Amino acid sequence: DQGEELCTVYPEVEYTDRYGNKTRRAGKVGHRIRVTVSEERRTPSDLMGQVSVNMIRCIARYVPGWDWARVVFRNEEWDIVTPPHISSGASRATRHYEFVLRSRNGLDNMAGGGSG
């Protein structure tokens, strides 16, 4: 009943900026969760400097973060594209969360024309 891979989620925290506005950002403490992953969409870039699109669907028993969370998966930073939503399944034993991640395409991965 465990996911196949580990993912680190840094849940969002509310803070007040120097102007007194309340806003959200990723926290500093990460939580490791197990996820099962399937590829959602992958579009490699054609030329150097272009952005590759790499999206994956994750399934986990619990997700500690939502829209503003920072996610590290496979030693790469990812953005949450769809907020985690619960799928109740047929019973409590099959209840899980589903969410989609998009790769941030770090510059160090673009030496070969993208992250693919």
C-alpha atoms as a PDB file:
ATOM      1  CA  ASP A   1       0.000   0.000   0.000  1.00  0.00           C
ATOM      2  CA  GLN A   2       3.036   2.258  -0.334  1.00  0.00           C
ATOM      3  CA  GLY A   3       3.875   4.510  -3.264  1.00  0.00           C
ATOM      4  CA  GLU A   4       6.818   3.570  -5.448  1.00  0.00           C
ATOM      5  CA  GLU A   5       8.817   6.803  -5.065  1.00  0.00           C
ATOM      6  CA  LEU A   6       9.596   9.437  -2.430  1.00  0.00           C
ATOM      7  CA  CYS A   7       8.628  13.073  -2.802  1.00  0.00           C
ATOM      8  CA  THR A   8       9.401  15.980  -0.437  1.00  0.00           C
ATOM      9  CA  VAL A   9       6.632  18.545   0.074  1.00  0.00           C
ATOM     10  CA  TYR A  10       7.265  21.871   1.815  1.00  0.00           C
ATOM     11  CA  PRO A  11       3.766  23.001   2.898  1.00  0.00           C
ATOM     12  CA  GLU A  12       2.773  26.623   2.523  1.00  0.00           C
ATOM     13  CA  VAL A  13       2.858  28.925   5.524  1.00  0.00           C
ATOM     14  CA  GLU A  14       1.181  32.283   6.008  1.00  0.00           C
ATOM     15  CA  TYR A  15       3.458  35.212   6.765  1.00  0.00           C
ATOM     16  CA  THR A  16       3.253  38.976   6.921  1.00  0.00           C
ATOM     17  CA  ASP A  17       5.500  40.930   4.561  1.00  0.00           C
ATOM     18  CA  ARG A  18       7.220  44.202   5.429  1.00  0.00           C
ATOM     19  CA  TYR A  19       4.146  46.172   4.281  1.00  0.00           C
ATOM     20  CA  GLY A  20       1.825  44.313   6.640  1.00  0.00           C
ATOM     21  CA  ASN A  21       0.197  42.191   3.921  1.00  0.00           C
ATOM     22  CA  LYS A  22      -0.585  38.572   4.720  1.00  0.00           C
ATOM     23  CA  THR A  23       0.558  36.220   2.020  1.00  0.00           C
ATOM     24  CA  ARG A  24       1.643  32.602   1.560  1.00  0.00           C
ATOM     25  CA  ARG A  25       4.881  30.935   0.595  1.00  0.00           C
ATOM     26  CA  ALA A  26       6.484  27.543   0.897  1.00  0.00           C
ATOM     27  CA  GLY A  27       7.677  26.670   4.385  1.00  0.00           C
ATOM     28  CA  LYS A  28      11.182  25.608   5.361  1.00  0.00           C
ATOM     29  CA  VAL A  29      10.325  22.179   6.786  1.00  0.00           C
ATOM     30  CA  GLY A  30       9.788  19.398   4.255  1.00  0.00           C
ATOM     31  CA  HIS A  31       7.659  16.284   4.669  1.00  0.00           C
ATOM     32  CA  ARG A  32       8.577  13.141   2.765  1.00  0.00           C
ATOM     33  CA  ILE A  33       5.648  11.243   1.295  1.00  0.00           C
ATOM     34  CA  ARG A  34       5.399   8.173  -0.893  1.00  0.00           C
ATOM     35  CA  VAL A  35       3.780   8.648  -4.300  1.00  0.00           C
ATOM     36  CA  THR A  36       2.826   6.526  -7.262  1.00  0.00           C
ATOM     37  CA  VAL A  37       3.512   8.392 -10.498  1.00  0.00           C
ATOM     38  CA  SER A  38       2.225   8.236 -14.058  1.00  0.00           C
ATOM     39  CA  GLU A  39       3.318  10.492 -16.874  1.00  0.00           C
ATOM     40  CA  GLU A  40       0.682  13.091 -17.726  1.00  0.00           C
ATOM     41  CA  ARG A  41       2.330  14.967 -20.597  1.00  0.00           C
ATOM     42  CA  ARG A  42       5.849  15.382 -21.929  1.00  0.00           C
ATOM     43  CA  THR A  43       6.855  17.775 -24.691  1.00  0.00           C
ATOM     44  CA  PRO A  44      10.614  18.047 -25.114  1.00  0.00           C
ATOM     45  CA  SER A  45      12.032  21.280 -26.480  1.00  0.00           C
ATOM     46  CA  ASP A  46      13.357  21.302 -30.040  1.00  0.00           C
ATOM     47  CA  LEU A  47      16.091  23.887 -29.630  1.00  0.00           C
ATOM     48  CA  MET A  48      18.501  24.911 -26.912  1.00  0.00           C
ATOM     49  CA  GLY A  49      16.984  27.551 -24.647  1.00  0.00           C
ATOM     50  CA  GLN A  50      13.387  26.501 -25.238  1.00  0.00           C
ATOM     51  CA  VAL A  51      11.321  25.174 -22.347  1.00  0.00           C
ATOM     52  CA  SER A  52      10.321  21.522 -22.142  1.00  0.00           C
ATOM     53  CA  VAL A  53       6.937  20.646 -20.680  1.00  0.00           C
ATOM     54  CA  ASN A  54       6.994  17.700 -18.313  1.00  0.00           C
ATOM     55  CA  MET A  55       3.883  16.969 -16.240  1.00  0.00           C
ATOM     56  CA  ILE A  56       3.208  13.982 -14.000  1.00  0.00           C
ATOM     57  CA  ARG A  57       0.175  12.754 -12.068  1.00  0.00           C
ATOM     58  CA  CYS A  58       0.857  11.689  -8.486  1.00  0.00           C
ATOM     59  CA  ILE A  59      -1.220   9.562  -6.149  1.00  0.00           C
ATOM     60  CA  ALA A  60      -0.532   9.582  -2.393  1.00  0.00           C
ATOM     61  CA  ARG A  61      -2.315   8.648   0.821  1.00  0.00           C
ATOM     62  CA  TYR A  62      -1.710  12.106   2.284  1.00  0.00           C
ATOM     63  CA  VAL A  63      -0.426  15.442   0.935  1.00  0.00           C
ATOM     64  CA  PRO A  64       0.727  18.031   3.507  1.00  0.00           C
ATOM     65  CA  GLY A  65       0.727  20.986   1.089  1.00  0.00           C
ATOM     66  CA  TRP A  66      -1.564  22.749  -1.350  1.00  0.00           C
ATOM     67  CA  ASP A  67      -1.189  25.460  -4.015  1.00  0.00           C
ATOM     68  CA  TRP A  68       1.806  27.330  -2.583  1.00  0.00           C
ATOM     69  CA  ALA A  69       3.789  24.275  -1.530  1.00  0.00           C
ATOM     70  CA  ARG A  70       7.288  23.611  -2.827  1.00  0.00           C
ATOM     71  CA  VAL A  71       7.789  20.090  -4.163  1.00  0.00           C
ATOM     72  CA  VAL A  72      11.103  18.310  -4.709  1.00  0.00           C
ATOM     73  CA  PHE A  73      10.844  15.090  -6.693  1.00  0.00           C
ATOM     74  CA  ARG A  74      13.614  13.145  -8.431  1.00  0.00           C
ATOM     75  CA  ASN A  75      16.109  15.827  -7.291  1.00  0.00           C
ATOM     76  CA  GLU A  76      14.210  18.510  -9.222  1.00  0.00           C
ATOM     77  CA  GLU A  77      11.781  21.262  -8.184  1.00  0.00           C
ATOM     78  CA  TRP A  78       8.187  20.966  -9.386  1.00  0.00           C
ATOM     79  CA  ASP A  79       5.097  23.195  -9.258  1.00  0.00           C
ATOM     80  CA  ILE A  80       1.684  21.923  -8.210  1.00  0.00           C
ATOM     81  CA  VAL A  81      -0.555  22.418 -11.257  1.00  0.00           C
ATOM     82  CA  THR A  82      -3.781  21.009  -9.859  1.00  0.00           C
ATOM     83  CA  PRO A  83      -4.398  21.240  -6.120  1.00  0.00           C
ATOM     84  CA  PRO A  84      -4.518  17.860  -4.390  1.00  0.00           C
ATOM     85  CA  HIS A  85      -8.025  16.474  -4.347  1.00  0.00           C
ATOM     86  CA  ILE A  86      -9.253  13.479  -2.445  1.00  0.00           C
ATOM     87  CA  SER A  87     -10.606  10.455  -4.207  1.00  0.00           C
ATOM     88  CA  SER A  88     -12.749   8.570  -1.735  1.00  0.00           C
ATOM     89  CA  GLY A  89     -12.398   5.225  -3.507  1.00  0.00           C
ATOM     90  CA  ALA A  90     -14.639   2.304  -2.711  1.00  0.00           C
ATOM     91  CA  SER A  91     -13.588   2.199   0.953  1.00  0.00           C
ATOM     92  CA  ARG A  92     -11.329   3.879   3.515  1.00  0.00           C
ATOM     93  CA  ALA A  93      -8.561   1.515   2.493  1.00  0.00           C
ATOM     94  CA  THR A  94      -8.542   2.871  -1.073  1.00  0.00           C
ATOM     95  CA  ARG A  95      -8.933   6.579  -0.234  1.00  0.00           C
ATOM     96  CA  HIS A  96      -6.121   8.705  -1.716  1.00  0.00           C
ATOM     97  CA  TYR A  97      -5.130  12.159  -2.995  1.00  0.00           C
ATOM     98  CA  GLU A  98      -4.349  12.946  -6.621  1.00  0.00           C
ATOM     99  CA  PHE A  99      -2.424  15.963  -7.937  1.00  0.00           C
ATOM    100  CA  VAL A 100      -0.459  17.011 -11.016  1.00  0.00           C
ATOM    101  CA  LEU A 101       3.092  18.395 -10.966  1.00  0.00           C
ATOM    102  CA  ARG A 102       4.920  20.396 -13.659  1.00  0.00           C
ATOM    103  CA  SER A 103       8.717  20.521 -13.887  1.00  0.00           C
ATOM    104  CA  ARG A 104      10.304  23.941 -13.327  1.00  0.00           C
ATOM    105  CA  ASN A 105      12.951  23.352 -16.031  1.00  0.00           C
ATOM    106  CA  GLY A 106      16.012  24.502 -14.116  1.00  0.00           C
ATOM    107  CA  LEU A 107      18.749  26.097 -16.210  1.00  0.00           C
ATOM    108  CA  ASP A 108      21.191  23.355 -15.276  1.00  0.00           C
ATOM    109  CA  ASN A 109      18.891  20.862 -17.038  1.00  0.00           C
ATOM    110  CA  MET A 110      18.700  22.896 -20.260  1.00  0.00           C
ATOM    111  CA  ALA A 111      22.241  22.245 -21.501  1.00  0.00           C
ATOM    112  CA  GLY A 112      20.910  19.582 -23.868  1.00  0.00           C
ATOM    113  CA  GLY A 113      17.930  21.595 -25.085  1.00  0.00           C
ATOM    114  CA  GLY A 114      15.594  20.993 -22.162  1.00  0.00           C
ATOM    115  CA  SER A 115      14.916  18.742 -19.239  1.00  0.00           C
ATOM    116  CA  GLY A 116      14.091  15.749 -21.404  1.00  0.00           C
END
